Structure formats: C-alpha cells, structure tokens
C-alpha atoms as a PDB file:
ATOM      1  CA  MET A   1      91.718 104.685 117.025  1.00  0.00           C
ATOM      2  CA  SER A   2      89.204 102.823 114.861  1.00  0.00           C
ATOM      3  CA  LEU A   3      89.373  99.044 115.368  1.00  0.00           C
ATOM      4  CA  ASP A   4      87.378  96.060 114.107  1.00  0.00           C
ATOM      5  CA  GLU A   5      85.776  93.726 116.658  1.00  0.00           C
ATOM      6  CA  ASN A   6      86.722  90.507 114.809  1.00  0.00           C
ATOM      7  CA  CYS A   7      90.170  91.392 113.402  1.00  0.00           C
ATOM      8  CA  ILE A   8      93.052  89.452 115.000  1.00  0.00           C
ATOM      9  CA  PHE A   9      95.416  92.433 114.735  1.00  0.00           C
ATOM     10  CA  CYS A  10      92.808  94.698 116.353  1.00  0.00           C
ATOM     11  CA  LYS A  11      92.527  92.155 119.185  1.00  0.00           C
ATOM     12  CA  ILE A  12      96.329  92.312 119.582  1.00  0.00           C
ATOM     13  CA  LEU A  13      96.175  96.126 119.569  1.00  0.00           C
ATOM     14  CA  ARG A  14      93.502  96.043 122.302  1.00  0.00           C
ATOM     15  CA  GLY A  15      95.637  93.636 124.372  1.00  0.00           C
ATOM     16  CA  GLU A  16      93.146  90.763 124.083  1.00  0.00           C
ATOM     17  CA  ILE A  17      95.793  88.567 122.431  1.00  0.00           C
ATOM     18  CA  PRO A  18      99.407  88.715 123.676  1.00  0.00           C
ATOM     19  CA  SER A  19     102.263  89.635 121.364  1.00  0.00           C
ATOM     20  CA  ASP A  20     106.046  89.823 121.516  1.00  0.00           C
ATOM     21  CA  LYS A  21     106.289  93.616 121.219  1.00  0.00           C
ATOM     22  CA  VAL A  22     109.289  95.239 119.601  1.00  0.00           C
ATOM     23  CA  TYR A  23     107.955  98.829 119.521  1.00  0.00           C
ATOM     24  CA  GLU A  24     104.767 100.700 120.342  1.00  0.00           C
ATOM     25  CA  ASP A  25     103.598 104.286 120.274  1.00  0.00           C
ATOM     26  CA  GLY A  26     100.259 106.040 119.850  1.00  0.00           C
ATOM     27  CA  ASP A  27     100.091 105.277 116.129  1.00  0.00           C
ATOM     28  CA  MET A  28     101.461 101.752 115.694  1.00  0.00           C
ATOM     29  CA  LEU A  29     102.511  98.473 117.255  1.00  0.00           C
ATOM     30  CA  ALA A  30     105.413  96.360 115.991  1.00  0.00           C
ATOM     31  CA  PHE A  31     105.628  92.753 117.156  1.00  0.00           C
ATOM     32  CA  ARG A  32     107.335  89.504 116.162  1.00  0.00           C
ATOM     33  CA  ASP A  33     105.405  87.311 113.708  1.00  0.00           C
ATOM     34  CA  ILE A  34     104.337  83.969 115.209  1.00  0.00           C
ATOM     35  CA  HIS A  35     105.046  82.275 111.844  1.00  0.00           C
ATOM     36  CA  PRO A  36     108.345  83.923 110.847  1.00  0.00           C
ATOM     37  CA  GLN A  37     109.446  83.784 107.217  1.00  0.00           C
ATOM     38  CA  ALA A  38     113.006  84.879 108.096  1.00  0.00           C
ATOM     39  CA  LYS A  39     115.323  84.761 111.102  1.00  0.00           C
ATOM     40  CA  VAL A  40     113.752  88.059 112.190  1.00  0.00           C
ATOM     41  CA  HIS A  41     110.185  88.792 111.110  1.00  0.00           C
ATOM     42  CA  VAL A  42     108.364  91.761 112.622  1.00  0.00           C
ATOM     43  CA  LEU A  43     104.924  93.104 111.744  1.00  0.00           C
ATOM     44  CA  CYS A  44     104.238  96.821 111.983  1.00  0.00           C
ATOM     45  CA  VAL A  45     100.502  97.388 112.458  1.00  0.00           C
ATOM     46  CA  PRO A  46      98.837 100.821 112.353  1.00  0.00           C
ATOM     47  CA  LYS A  47      96.412 101.491 115.213  1.00  0.00           C
ATOM     48  CA  SER A  48      93.579 102.107 112.789  1.00  0.00           C
ATOM     49  CA  HIS A  49      91.739  99.339 110.957  1.00  0.00           C
ATOM     50  CA  PHE A  50      91.766  99.414 107.166  1.00  0.00           C
ATOM     51  CA  SER A  51      92.556  96.532 104.841  1.00  0.00           C
ATOM     52  CA  TYR A  52      94.300  97.952 101.781  1.00  0.00           C
ATOM     53  CA  LEU A  53      96.433 100.847 100.630  1.00  0.00           C
ATOM     54  CA  SER A  54      93.554 101.696  98.279  1.00  0.00           C
ATOM     55  CA  GLU A  55      91.317 102.350 101.325  1.00  0.00           C
ATOM     56  CA  MET A  56      93.584 105.047 102.714  1.00  0.00           C
ATOM     57  CA  GLY A  57      92.204 108.486 103.299  1.00  0.00           C
ATOM     58  CA  GLU A  58      94.322 111.457 104.353  1.00  0.00           C
ATOM     59  CA  LYS A  59      94.499 110.242 107.975  1.00  0.00           C
ATOM     60  CA  GLU A  60      95.574 106.730 106.980  1.00  0.00           C
ATOM     61  CA  ARG A  61      98.200 108.043 104.527  1.00  0.00           C
ATOM     62  CA  GLY A  62      99.763 110.015 107.361  1.00  0.00           C
ATOM     63  CA  LEU A  63      99.643 106.970 109.617  1.00  0.00           C
ATOM     64  CA  VAL A  64     101.323 104.694 107.058  1.00  0.00           C
ATOM     65  CA  GLY A  65     103.925 107.410 106.464  1.00  0.00           C
ATOM     66  CA  LYS A  66     104.692 107.473 110.203  1.00  0.00           C
ATOM     67  CA  CYS A  67     104.999 103.677 110.211  1.00  0.00           C
ATOM     68  CA  MET A  68     107.399 103.756 107.270  1.00  0.00           C
ATOM     69  CA  ALA A  69     109.507 106.458 108.933  1.00  0.00           C
ATOM     70  CA  LYS A  70     109.843 104.295 112.081  1.00  0.00           C
ATOM     71  CA  LEU A  71     110.963 101.138 110.231  1.00  0.00           C
ATOM     72  CA  PRO A  72     114.725 101.775 110.636  1.00  0.00           C
ATOM     73  CA  GLU A  73     114.316 102.166 114.405  1.00  0.00           C
ATOM     74  CA  ILE A  74     112.057  99.106 114.635  1.00  0.00           C
ATOM     75  CA  ALA A  75     114.554  97.021 112.613  1.00  0.00           C
ATOM     76  CA  ARG A  76     117.356  98.138 114.933  1.00  0.00           C
ATOM     77  CA  LEU A  77     115.286  97.293 118.029  1.00  0.00           C
ATOM     78  CA  ALA A  78     114.558  93.851 116.528  1.00  0.00           C
ATOM     79  CA  GLY A  79     118.289  93.214 116.114  1.00  0.00           C
ATOM     80  CA  ILE A  80     118.485  93.584 112.351  1.00  0.00           C
ATOM     81  CA  GLU A  81     121.887  95.072 111.539  1.00  0.00           C
ATOM     82  CA  LYS A  82     122.818  94.375 107.902  1.00  0.00           C
ATOM     83  CA  GLY A  83     119.622  95.239 106.069  1.00  0.00           C
ATOM     84  CA  TYR A  84     116.022  94.175 105.848  1.00  0.00           C
ATOM     85  CA  ARG A  85     113.179  93.627 103.421  1.00  0.00           C
ATOM     86  CA  VAL A  86     109.875  95.525 103.696  1.00  0.00           C
ATOM     87  CA  ILE A  87     106.693  93.964 102.297  1.00  0.00           C
ATOM     88  CA  ILE A  88     103.046  95.033 102.245  1.00  0.00           C
ATOM     89  CA  ASN A  89     100.799  92.308 100.832  1.00  0.00           C
ATOM     90  CA  GLN A  90      97.630  93.561  99.123  1.00  0.00           C
ATOM     91  CA  GLY A  91      94.868  91.018  98.615  1.00  0.00           C
ATOM     92  CA  GLU A  92      94.643  87.247  98.498  1.00  0.00           C
ATOM     93  CA  ASP A  93      96.748  86.863  95.342  1.00  0.00           C
ATOM     94  CA  ALA A  94      99.593  88.679  97.120  1.00  0.00           C
ATOM     95  CA  GLY A  95      99.346  86.368 100.134  1.00  0.00           C
ATOM     96  CA  GLN A  96      97.487  88.701 102.482  1.00  0.00           C
ATOM     97  CA  THR A  97      95.820  86.589 105.174  1.00  0.00           C
ATOM     98  CA  VAL A  98      94.951  89.237 107.774  1.00  0.00           C
ATOM     99  CA  PHE A  99      92.940  92.055 106.266  1.00  0.00           C
ATOM    100  CA  HIS A 100      94.290  94.857 108.443  1.00  0.00           C
ATOM    101  CA  LEU A 101      97.031  96.722 106.616  1.00  0.00           C
ATOM    102  CA  HIS A 102     100.420  95.752 108.040  1.00  0.00           C
ATOM    103  CA  ILE A 103     104.061  95.996 107.075  1.00  0.00           C
ATOM    104  CA  HIS A 104     106.394  92.991 107.204  1.00  0.00           C
ATOM    105  CA  ILE A 105     110.010  93.671 108.190  1.00  0.00           C
ATOM    106  CA  LEU A 106     112.213  90.659 107.406  1.00  0.00           C
ATOM    107  CA  GLY A 107     115.922  90.301 108.075  1.00  0.00           C
ATOM    108  CA  GLY A 108     118.605  88.896 110.310  1.00  0.00           C
ATOM    109  CA  GLN A 109     119.938  86.846 107.395  1.00  0.00           C
ATOM    110  CA  ASN A 110     120.874  87.233 103.746  1.00  0.00           C
ATOM    111  CA  MET A 111     117.518  87.554 101.975  1.00  0.00           C
ATOM    112  CA  GLY A 112     118.913  87.049  98.473  1.00  0.00           C
ATOM    113  CA  GLU A 113     118.026  89.035  95.386  1.00  0.00           C
ATOM    114  CA  LYS A 114     114.700  87.449  94.467  1.00  0.00           C
ATOM    115  CA  LEU A 115     111.356  87.472  96.224  1.00  0.00           C
ATOM    116  CA  LEU A 116     110.261  84.035  95.024  1.00  0.00           C
END
C-alpha cells in the first residue's frame, strides 16, 4: 500500500483521522462523506495513493476495477435501495478537492436526471 504523508485520505486510511466506515477490505475503504451532497454520500477510496485516472498503471487499474465491482455491495451496506449515482471527479475544473482518486456514491433520494 503506497500512501502519501500529507494526503487527508491517506491519513484516514492509516487511521490517523477517524471515519464513519461503511466497508473495508485490503484494497479499499468506503466511508460516509463529512459534507454529504445527498441523503447518502459515501466515498470509496483505494488503498494506494494516486490522483487521477490518467496516473493509473496496471496495478491501479486492477484496484479501481475492484472498487467498481464492490460498489453495489457498498451501496447496499450504506442503505441505498432504489439506485445511486457514481462520480469520479478529475481535476479542479471537475470539482476535485482531494487529490487521491476516490469514487463518490450518492443516493438515498431521487437524484433527478441532470448533474447540474
């Protein structure tokens, strides 16, 4: 597991900052967002530090694939029953504020058809 000393998500992964865990295994941690943008807002964070999809090597591609495959289980564990939205922000223009790749899982309410 390669982590960054100053990254807030890496600090959460190391247990230095508490989180409201929904799911954890050897590859990822899913926890509730402290600034939710929906009734249920969970972040799925790979246990390897890289900022963007464009930085993925073979190892990271496999890790993101595992995260994506676990999303239905994580959504169920978070109490999302009627559907959810999955978002990966890439860069400042997309609204990325923590530069450790992470997947947003939003639901627990009707999300509507539009993103904006």
